[in-house]
Amino acid sequence: MRKPVVAGRFYPQDRQELANAVDIMLSGKAVKRGAWGIISPHAGYVFSGNCAGLAVQALPEEAPDTVVLLGPNHTGAGQPISVSDE
């Protein structure tokens, strides 16, 4: 699992503050649940957290067995493709 590298800058570093922030972002009302995929912004929470929270709420309530996350490699370091079993 990747360790946080921008905690305190783009999201709270304190675990409880982070949990509270996520709860607030997930408190909005999604239009409809049941989406099989979402496209969501990933900027700092203050910039796009509410939008990302609404996108996540459009997913089914039951967690899927598998999640595929596609995103940019902002640093260019490491392999061009990463796979994790976590």
PDB file of N, CA and C in Angstrom:
ATOM      1  N   MET A   1       0.858  -1.178   0.000  1.00  0.00           N
ATOM      2  CA  MET A   1       0.000   0.000   0.000  1.00  0.00           C
ATOM      3  C   MET A   1       0.897   1.231   0.000  1.00  0.00           C
ATOM      4  N   ARG A   2       0.533   2.202  -0.793  1.00  0.00           N
ATOM      5  CA  ARG A   2       1.328   3.443  -0.886  1.00  0.00           C
ATOM      6  C   ARG A   2       1.156   4.265   0.385  1.00  0.00           C
ATOM      7  N   LYS A   3       2.247   4.749   0.920  1.00  0.00           N
ATOM      8  CA  LYS A   3       2.216   5.601   2.108  1.00  0.00           C
ATOM      9  C   LYS A   3       1.797   7.016   1.701  1.00  0.00           C
ATOM     10  N   PRO A   4       1.091   7.740   2.567  1.00  0.00           N
ATOM     11  CA  PRO A   4       0.678   9.107   2.231  1.00  0.00           C
ATOM     12  C   PRO A   4       1.896  10.021   2.104  1.00  0.00           C
ATOM     13  N   VAL A   5       1.923  10.806   1.026  1.00  0.00           N
ATOM     14  CA  VAL A   5       3.058  11.699   0.816  1.00  0.00           C
ATOM     15  C   VAL A   5       2.659  13.175   0.857  1.00  0.00           C
ATOM     16  N   VAL A   6       1.374  13.470   0.844  1.00  0.00           N
ATOM     17  CA  VAL A   6       0.934  14.868   0.898  1.00  0.00           C
ATOM     18  C   VAL A   6      -0.060  15.112   2.028  1.00  0.00           C
ATOM     19  N   ALA A   7      -0.062  14.233   3.022  1.00  0.00           N
ATOM     20  CA  ALA A   7      -0.935  14.421   4.181  1.00  0.00           C
ATOM     21  C   ALA A   7      -0.597  15.746   4.834  1.00  0.00           C
ATOM     22  N   GLY A   8      -1.627  16.491   5.186  1.00  0.00           N
ATOM     23  CA  GLY A   8      -1.424  17.796   5.782  1.00  0.00           C
ATOM     24  C   GLY A   8      -1.409  18.916   4.759  1.00  0.00           C
ATOM     25  N   ARG A   9      -1.263  18.567   3.477  1.00  0.00           N
ATOM     26  CA  ARG A   9      -1.294  19.574   2.414  1.00  0.00           C
ATOM     27  C   ARG A   9      -2.591  19.492   1.619  1.00  0.00           C
ATOM     28  N   PHE A  10      -2.932  18.303   1.148  1.00  0.00           N
ATOM     29  CA  PHE A  10      -4.130  18.129   0.327  1.00  0.00           C
ATOM     30  C   PHE A  10      -5.263  17.429   1.061  1.00  0.00           C
ATOM     31  N   TYR A  11      -4.969  16.861   2.191  1.00  0.00           N
ATOM     32  CA  TYR A  11      -5.967  16.243   3.062  1.00  0.00           C
ATOM     33  C   TYR A  11      -5.395  16.227   4.470  1.00  0.00           C
ATOM     34  N   PRO A  12      -6.272  16.123   5.490  1.00  0.00           N
ATOM     35  CA  PRO A  12      -5.786  16.182   6.875  1.00  0.00           C
ATOM     36  C   PRO A  12      -4.796  15.061   7.199  1.00  0.00           C
ATOM     37  N   GLN A  13      -3.797  15.387   7.996  1.00  0.00           N
ATOM     38  CA  GLN A  13      -2.815  14.394   8.421  1.00  0.00           C
ATOM     39  C   GLN A  13      -3.338  13.580   9.603  1.00  0.00           C
ATOM     40  N   ASP A  14      -4.110  14.213  10.479  1.00  0.00           N
ATOM     41  CA  ASP A  14      -4.668  13.542  11.643  1.00  0.00           C
ATOM     42  C   ASP A  14      -5.751  12.557  11.208  1.00  0.00           C
ATOM     43  N   ARG A  15      -5.676  11.341  11.709  1.00  0.00           N
ATOM     44  CA  ARG A  15      -6.612  10.272  11.299  1.00  0.00           C
ATOM     45  C   ARG A  15      -8.075  10.645  11.555  1.00  0.00           C
ATOM     46  N   GLN A  16      -8.376  11.205  12.736  1.00  0.00           N
ATOM     47  CA  GLN A  16      -9.754  11.560  13.062  1.00  0.00           C
ATOM     48  C   GLN A  16     -10.246  12.731  12.207  1.00  0.00           C
ATOM     49  N   GLU A  17      -9.395  13.714  11.977  1.00  0.00           N
ATOM     50  CA  GLU A  17      -9.771  14.833  11.104  1.00  0.00           C
ATOM     51  C   GLU A  17     -10.054  14.337   9.691  1.00  0.00           C
ATOM     52  N   LEU A  18      -9.241  13.388   9.217  1.00  0.00           N
ATOM     53  CA  LEU A  18      -9.452  12.814   7.892  1.00  0.00           C
ATOM     54  C   LEU A  18     -10.783  12.073   7.836  1.00  0.00           C
ATOM     55  N   ALA A  19     -11.075  11.260   8.848  1.00  0.00           N
ATOM     56  CA  ALA A  19     -12.339  10.521   8.902  1.00  0.00           C
ATOM     57  C   ALA A  19     -13.521  11.489   8.916  1.00  0.00           C
ATOM     58  N   ASN A  20     -13.422  12.575   9.684  1.00  0.00           N
ATOM     59  CA  ASN A  20     -14.495  13.570   9.721  1.00  0.00           C
ATOM     60  C   ASN A  20     -14.687  14.234   8.363  1.00  0.00           C
ATOM     61  N   ALA A  21     -13.576  14.558   7.691  1.00  0.00           N
ATOM     62  CA  ALA A  21     -13.660  15.192   6.373  1.00  0.00           C
ATOM     63  C   ALA A  21     -14.335  14.265   5.364  1.00  0.00           C
ATOM     64  N   VAL A  22     -13.980  12.994   5.397  1.00  0.00           N
ATOM     65  CA  VAL A  22     -14.592  12.023   4.472  1.00  0.00           C
ATOM     66  C   VAL A  22     -16.084  11.880   4.777  1.00  0.00           C
ATOM     67  N   ASP A  23     -16.450  11.831   6.049  1.00  0.00           N
ATOM     68  CA  ASP A  23     -17.870  11.754   6.422  1.00  0.00           C
ATOM     69  C   ASP A  23     -18.648  12.939   5.855  1.00  0.00           C
ATOM     70  N   ILE A  24     -18.072  14.125   5.937  1.00  0.00           N
ATOM     71  CA  ILE A  24     -18.737  15.314   5.404  1.00  0.00           C
ATOM     72  C   ILE A  24     -18.880  15.212   3.889  1.00  0.00           C
ATOM     73  N   MET A  25     -17.828  14.766   3.209  1.00  0.00           N
ATOM     74  CA  MET A  25     -17.885  14.648   1.747  1.00  0.00           C
ATOM     75  C   MET A  25     -18.896  13.608   1.293  1.00  0.00           C
ATOM     76  N   LEU A  26     -19.136  12.608   2.127  1.00  0.00           N
ATOM     77  CA  LEU A  26     -20.093  11.560   1.772  1.00  0.00           C
ATOM     78  C   LEU A  26     -21.499  11.856   2.287  1.00  0.00           C
ATOM     79  N   SER A  27     -21.717  13.033   2.837  1.00  0.00           N
ATOM     80  CA  SER A  27     -23.026  13.358   3.404  1.00  0.00           C
ATOM     81  C   SER A  27     -23.995  13.949   2.387  1.00  0.00           C
ATOM     82  N   GLY A  28     -23.529  14.252   1.183  1.00  0.00           N
ATOM     83  CA  GLY A  28     -24.402  14.793   0.143  1.00  0.00           C
ATOM     84  C   GLY A  28     -25.335  13.717  -0.393  1.00  0.00           C
ATOM     85  N   LYS A  29     -26.230  14.094  -1.260  1.00  0.00           N
ATOM     86  CA  LYS A  29     -27.184  13.144  -1.835  1.00  0.00           C
ATOM     87  C   LYS A  29     -26.830  12.859  -3.282  1.00  0.00           C
ATOM     88  N   ALA A  30     -26.473  11.623  -3.567  1.00  0.00           N
ATOM     89  CA  ALA A  30     -26.220  11.208  -4.946  1.00  0.00           C
ATOM     90  C   ALA A  30     -27.546  11.114  -5.674  1.00  0.00           C
ATOM     91  N   VAL A  31     -27.507  11.311  -6.969  1.00  0.00           N
ATOM     92  CA  VAL A  31     -28.726  11.257  -7.769  1.00  0.00           C
ATOM     93  C   VAL A  31     -29.334   9.859  -7.722  1.00  0.00           C
ATOM     94  N   LYS A  32     -28.501   8.842  -7.873  1.00  0.00           N
ATOM     95  CA  LYS A  32     -28.996   7.466  -7.935  1.00  0.00           C
ATOM     96  C   LYS A  32     -27.841   6.519  -7.615  1.00  0.00           C
ATOM     97  N   ARG A  33     -28.105   5.468  -6.869  1.00  0.00           N
ATOM     98  CA  ARG A  33     -27.086   4.450  -6.587  1.00  0.00           C
ATOM     99  C   ARG A  33     -27.130   3.371  -7.668  1.00  0.00           C
ATOM    100  N   GLY A  34     -26.053   2.626  -7.783  1.00  0.00           N
ATOM    101  CA  GLY A  34     -26.028   1.488  -8.689  1.00  0.00           C
ATOM    102  C   GLY A  34     -25.070   1.630  -9.856  1.00  0.00           C
ATOM    103  N   ALA A  35     -24.293   2.702  -9.910  1.00  0.00           N
ATOM    104  CA  ALA A  35     -23.326   2.871 -10.993  1.00  0.00           C
ATOM    105  C   ALA A  35     -22.303   1.749 -10.937  1.00  0.00           C
ATOM    106  N   TRP A  36     -21.855   1.280 -12.072  1.00  0.00           N
ATOM    107  CA  TRP A  36     -20.835   0.229 -12.083  1.00  0.00           C
ATOM    108  C   TRP A  36     -19.440   0.824 -12.221  1.00  0.00           C
ATOM    109  N   GLY A  37     -19.366   2.127 -12.394  1.00  0.00           N
ATOM    110  CA  GLY A  37     -18.082   2.806 -12.465  1.00  0.00           C
ATOM    111  C   GLY A  37     -18.291   4.301 -12.335  1.00  0.00           C
ATOM    112  N   ILE A  38     -17.252   4.997 -11.929  1.00  0.00           N
ATOM    113  CA  ILE A  38     -17.326   6.451 -11.809  1.00  0.00           C
ATOM    114  C   ILE A  38     -16.043   7.072 -12.352  1.00  0.00           C
ATOM    115  N   ILE A  39     -16.142   8.300 -12.771  1.00  0.00           N
ATOM    116  CA  ILE A  39     -14.984   9.130 -13.074  1.00  0.00           C
ATOM    117  C   ILE A  39     -15.032  10.244 -12.041  1.00  0.00           C
ATOM    118  N   SER A  40     -13.976  10.360 -11.271  1.00  0.00           N
ATOM    119  CA  SER A  40     -13.988  11.277 -10.144  1.00  0.00           C
ATOM    120  C   SER A  40     -12.711  12.098 -10.094  1.00  0.00           C
ATOM    121  N   PRO A  41     -12.814  13.369  -9.711  1.00  0.00           N
ATOM    122  CA  PRO A  41     -11.597  14.165  -9.551  1.00  0.00           C
ATOM    123  C   PRO A  41     -10.798  13.674  -8.353  1.00  0.00           C
ATOM    124  N   HIS A  42      -9.520  14.002  -8.344  1.00  0.00           N
ATOM    125  CA  HIS A  42      -8.681  13.559  -7.232  1.00  0.00           C
ATOM    126  C   HIS A  42      -7.776  14.680  -6.720  1.00  0.00           C
ATOM    127  N   ALA A  43      -8.201  15.911  -6.881  1.00  0.00           N
ATOM    128  CA  ALA A  43      -7.427  17.038  -6.348  1.00  0.00           C
ATOM    129  C   ALA A  43      -7.561  17.054  -4.824  1.00  0.00           C
ATOM    130  N   GLY A  44      -6.943  18.010  -4.178  1.00  0.00           N
ATOM    131  CA  GLY A  44      -7.067  18.127  -2.729  1.00  0.00           C
ATOM    132  C   GLY A  44      -8.532  18.193  -2.317  1.00  0.00           C
ATOM    133  N   TYR A  45      -8.822  17.688  -1.135  1.00  0.00           N
ATOM    134  CA  TYR A  45     -10.208  17.610  -0.659  1.00  0.00           C
ATOM    135  C   TYR A  45     -10.930  18.944  -0.715  1.00  0.00           C
ATOM    136  N   VAL A  46     -10.233  20.039  -0.390  1.00  0.00           N
ATOM    137  CA  VAL A  46     -10.898  21.345  -0.409  1.00  0.00           C
ATOM    138  C   VAL A  46     -11.283  21.755  -1.823  1.00  0.00           C
ATOM    139  N   PHE A  47     -10.620  21.208  -2.823  1.00  0.00           N
ATOM    140  CA  PHE A  47     -10.907  21.560  -4.211  1.00  0.00           C
ATOM    141  C   PHE A  47     -11.992  20.682  -4.831  1.00  0.00           C
ATOM    142  N   SER A  48     -11.948  19.378  -4.571  1.00  0.00           N
ATOM    143  CA  SER A  48     -12.865  18.477  -5.278  1.00  0.00           C
ATOM    144  C   SER A  48     -13.485  17.402  -4.395  1.00  0.00           C
ATOM    145  N   GLY A  49     -13.332  17.519  -3.086  1.00  0.00           N
ATOM    146  CA  GLY A  49     -13.840  16.479  -2.182  1.00  0.00           C
ATOM    147  C   GLY A  49     -15.333  16.259  -2.266  1.00  0.00           C
ATOM    148  N   ASN A  50     -16.108  17.338  -2.322  1.00  0.00           N
ATOM    149  CA  ASN A  50     -17.563  17.170  -2.389  1.00  0.00           C
ATOM    150  C   ASN A  50     -17.991  16.493  -3.677  1.00  0.00           C
ATOM    151  N   CYS A  51     -17.366  16.847  -4.790  1.00  0.00           N
ATOM    152  CA  CYS A  51     -17.684  16.217  -6.070  1.00  0.00           C
ATOM    153  C   CYS A  51     -17.320  14.728  -6.040  1.00  0.00           C
ATOM    154  N   ALA A  52     -16.137  14.411  -5.512  1.00  0.00           N
ATOM    155  CA  ALA A  52     -15.716  13.015  -5.405  1.00  0.00           C
ATOM    156  C   ALA A  52     -16.655  12.239  -4.486  1.00  0.00           C
ATOM    157  N   GLY A  53     -17.092  12.870  -3.389  1.00  0.00           N
ATOM    158  CA  GLY A  53     -18.017  12.211  -2.464  1.00  0.00           C
ATOM    159  C   GLY A  53     -19.330  11.855  -3.140  1.00  0.00           C
ATOM    160  N   LEU A  54     -19.852  12.767  -3.948  1.00  0.00           N
ATOM    161  CA  LEU A  54     -21.097  12.482  -4.675  1.00  0.00           C
ATOM    162  C   LEU A  54     -20.901  11.350  -5.680  1.00  0.00           C
ATOM    163  N   ALA A  55     -19.742  11.330  -6.338  1.00  0.00           N
ATOM    164  CA  ALA A  55     -19.467  10.258  -7.298  1.00  0.00           C
ATOM    165  C   ALA A  55     -19.424   8.905  -6.605  1.00  0.00           C
ATOM    166  N   VAL A  56     -18.751   8.836  -5.462  1.00  0.00           N
ATOM    167  CA  VAL A  56     -18.649   7.572  -4.717  1.00  0.00           C
ATOM    168  C   VAL A  56     -20.036   7.114  -4.265  1.00  0.00           C
ATOM    169  N   GLN A  57     -20.898   8.048  -3.886  1.00  0.00           N
ATOM    170  CA  GLN A  57     -22.243   7.681  -3.438  1.00  0.00           C
ATOM    171  C   GLN A  57     -23.111   7.118  -4.551  1.00  0.00           C
ATOM    172  N   ALA A  58     -22.728   7.325  -5.793  1.00  0.00           N
ATOM    173  CA  ALA A  58     -23.491   6.761  -6.907  1.00  0.00           C
ATOM    174  C   ALA A  58     -23.219   5.264  -7.074  1.00  0.00           C
ATOM    175  N   LEU A  59     -22.169   4.768  -6.442  1.00  0.00           N
ATOM    176  CA  LEU A  59     -21.860   3.336  -6.508  1.00  0.00           C
ATOM    177  C   LEU A  59     -22.852   2.546  -5.662  1.00  0.00           C
ATOM    178  N   PRO A  60     -22.998   1.252  -5.921  1.00  0.00           N
ATOM    179  CA  PRO A  60     -23.868   0.435  -5.069  1.00  0.00           C
ATOM    180  C   PRO A  60     -23.391   0.457  -3.622  1.00  0.00           C
ATOM    181  N   GLU A  61     -24.299   0.294  -2.680  1.00  0.00           N
ATOM    182  CA  GLU A  61     -23.928   0.314  -1.258  1.00  0.00           C
ATOM    183  C   GLU A  61     -23.019  -0.850  -0.892  1.00  0.00           C
ATOM    184  N   GLU A  62     -23.219  -2.006  -1.512  1.00  0.00           N
ATOM    185  CA  GLU A  62     -22.396  -3.177  -1.218  1.00  0.00           C
ATOM    186  C   GLU A  62     -21.049  -3.056  -1.919  1.00  0.00           C
ATOM    187  N   ALA A  63     -19.970  -3.245  -1.169  1.00  0.00           N
ATOM    188  CA  ALA A  63     -18.624  -3.133  -1.727  1.00  0.00           C
ATOM    189  C   ALA A  63     -18.380  -4.220  -2.771  1.00  0.00           C
ATOM    190  N   PRO A  64     -17.753  -3.880  -3.888  1.00  0.00           N
ATOM    191  CA  PRO A  64     -17.459  -4.881  -4.915  1.00  0.00           C
ATOM    192  C   PRO A  64     -16.302  -5.783  -4.497  1.00  0.00           C
ATOM    193  N   ASP A  65     -16.178  -6.926  -5.141  1.00  0.00           N
ATOM    194  CA  ASP A  65     -15.069  -7.833  -4.872  1.00  0.00           C
ATOM    195  C   ASP A  65     -13.754  -7.283  -5.432  1.00  0.00           C
ATOM    196  N   THR A  66     -13.840  -6.569  -6.543  1.00  0.00           N
ATOM    197  CA  THR A  66     -12.658  -6.051  -7.220  1.00  0.00           C
ATOM    198  C   THR A  66     -12.859  -4.585  -7.578  1.00  0.00           C
ATOM    199  N   VAL A  67     -11.811  -3.797  -7.399  1.00  0.00           N
ATOM    200  CA  VAL A  67     -11.830  -2.389  -7.778  1.00  0.00           C
ATOM    201  C   VAL A  67     -10.667  -2.142  -8.725  1.00  0.00           C
ATOM    202  N   VAL A  68     -10.932  -1.483  -9.837  1.00  0.00           N
ATOM    203  CA  VAL A  68      -9.886  -1.093 -10.775  1.00  0.00           C
ATOM    204  C   VAL A  68      -9.803   0.418 -10.737  1.00  0.00           C
ATOM    205  N   LEU A  69      -8.653   0.918 -10.357  1.00  0.00           N
ATOM    206  CA  LEU A  69      -8.437   2.355 -10.239  1.00  0.00           C
ATOM    207  C   LEU A  69      -7.434   2.769 -11.310  1.00  0.00           C
ATOM    208  N   LEU A  70      -7.842   3.688 -12.170  1.00  0.00           N
ATOM    209  CA  LEU A  70      -6.940   4.217 -13.185  1.00  0.00           C
ATOM    210  C   LEU A  70      -6.632   5.662 -12.827  1.00  0.00           C
ATOM    211  N   GLY A  71      -5.378   6.015 -12.829  1.00  0.00           N
ATOM    212  CA  GLY A  71      -5.006   7.376 -12.493  1.00  0.00           C
ATOM    213  C   GLY A  71      -3.624   7.704 -13.015  1.00  0.00           C
ATOM    214  N   PRO A  72      -3.282   8.975 -12.972  1.00  0.00           N
ATOM    215  CA  PRO A  72      -1.984   9.407 -13.501  1.00  0.00           C
ATOM    216  C   PRO A  72      -0.836   9.107 -12.544  1.00  0.00           C
ATOM    217  N   ASN A  73       0.335   9.050 -13.104  1.00  0.00           N
ATOM    218  CA  ASN A  73       1.564   8.960 -12.328  1.00  0.00           C
ATOM    219  C   ASN A  73       2.153  10.370 -12.343  1.00  0.00           C
ATOM    220  N   HIS A  74       1.859  11.138 -11.311  1.00  0.00           N
ATOM    221  CA  HIS A  74       2.264  12.543 -11.286  1.00  0.00           C
ATOM    222  C   HIS A  74       3.773  12.740 -11.252  1.00  0.00           C
ATOM    223  N   THR A  75       4.514  11.798 -10.711  1.00  0.00           N
ATOM    224  CA  THR A  75       5.958  11.987 -10.549  1.00  0.00           C
ATOM    225  C   THR A  75       6.769  11.400 -11.687  1.00  0.00           C
ATOM    226  N   GLY A  76       6.216  10.391 -12.380  1.00  0.00           N
ATOM    227  CA  GLY A  76       6.986   9.709 -13.414  1.00  0.00           C
ATOM    228  C   GLY A  76       7.932   8.665 -12.850  1.00  0.00           C
ATOM    229  N   ALA A  77       8.011   8.567 -11.522  1.00  0.00           N
ATOM    230  CA  ALA A  77       8.888   7.584 -10.887  1.00  0.00           C
ATOM    231  C   ALA A  77       8.223   6.212 -10.875  1.00  0.00           C
ATOM    232  N   GLY A  78       9.020   5.179 -10.885  1.00  0.00           N
ATOM    233  CA  GLY A  78       8.487   3.826 -10.768  1.00  0.00           C
ATOM    234  C   GLY A  78       8.002   3.265 -12.087  1.00  0.00           C
ATOM    235  N   GLN A  79       7.313   2.150 -11.985  1.00  0.00           N
ATOM    236  CA  GLN A  79       6.812   1.437 -13.156  1.00  0.00           C
ATOM    237  C   GLN A  79       5.654   2.199 -13.805  1.00  0.00           C
ATOM    238  N   PRO A  80       5.444   2.029 -15.095  1.00  0.00           N
ATOM    239  CA  PRO A  80       4.333   2.729 -15.757  1.00  0.00           C
ATOM    240  C   PRO A  80       2.971   2.165 -15.364  1.00  0.00           C
ATOM    241  N   ILE A  81       2.927   0.934 -14.872  1.00  0.00           N
ATOM    242  CA  ILE A  81       1.674   0.314 -14.434  1.00  0.00           C
ATOM    243  C   ILE A  81       1.901  -0.311 -13.059  1.00  0.00           C
ATOM    244  N   SER A  82       0.975  -0.082 -12.145  1.00  0.00           N
ATOM    245  CA  SER A  82       1.072  -0.658 -10.804  1.00  0.00           C
ATOM    246  C   SER A  82      -0.119  -1.570 -10.566  1.00  0.00           C
ATOM    247  N   VAL A  83       0.126  -2.679  -9.892  1.00  0.00           N
ATOM    248  CA  VAL A  83      -0.931  -3.615  -9.531  1.00  0.00           C
ATOM    249  C   VAL A  83      -0.745  -3.962  -8.058  1.00  0.00           C
ATOM    250  N   SER A  84      -1.852  -3.977  -7.323  1.00  0.00           N
ATOM    251  CA  SER A  84      -1.792  -4.284  -5.900  1.00  0.00           C
ATOM    252  C   SER A  84      -2.866  -5.302  -5.543  1.00  0.00           C
ATOM    253  N   ASP A  85      -2.564  -6.182  -4.622  1.00  0.00           N
ATOM    254  CA  ASP A  85      -3.545  -7.144  -4.119  1.00  0.00           C
ATOM    255  C   ASP A  85      -4.264  -6.615  -2.901  1.00  0.00           C
ATOM    256  N   GLU A  86      -3.956  -5.400  -2.450  1.00  0.00           N
ATOM    257  CA  GLU A  86      -4.559  -4.828  -1.253  1.00  0.00           C
ATOM    258  C   GLU A  86      -5.906  -4.232  -1.565  1.00  0.00           C
TER     259      GLU A  86
END
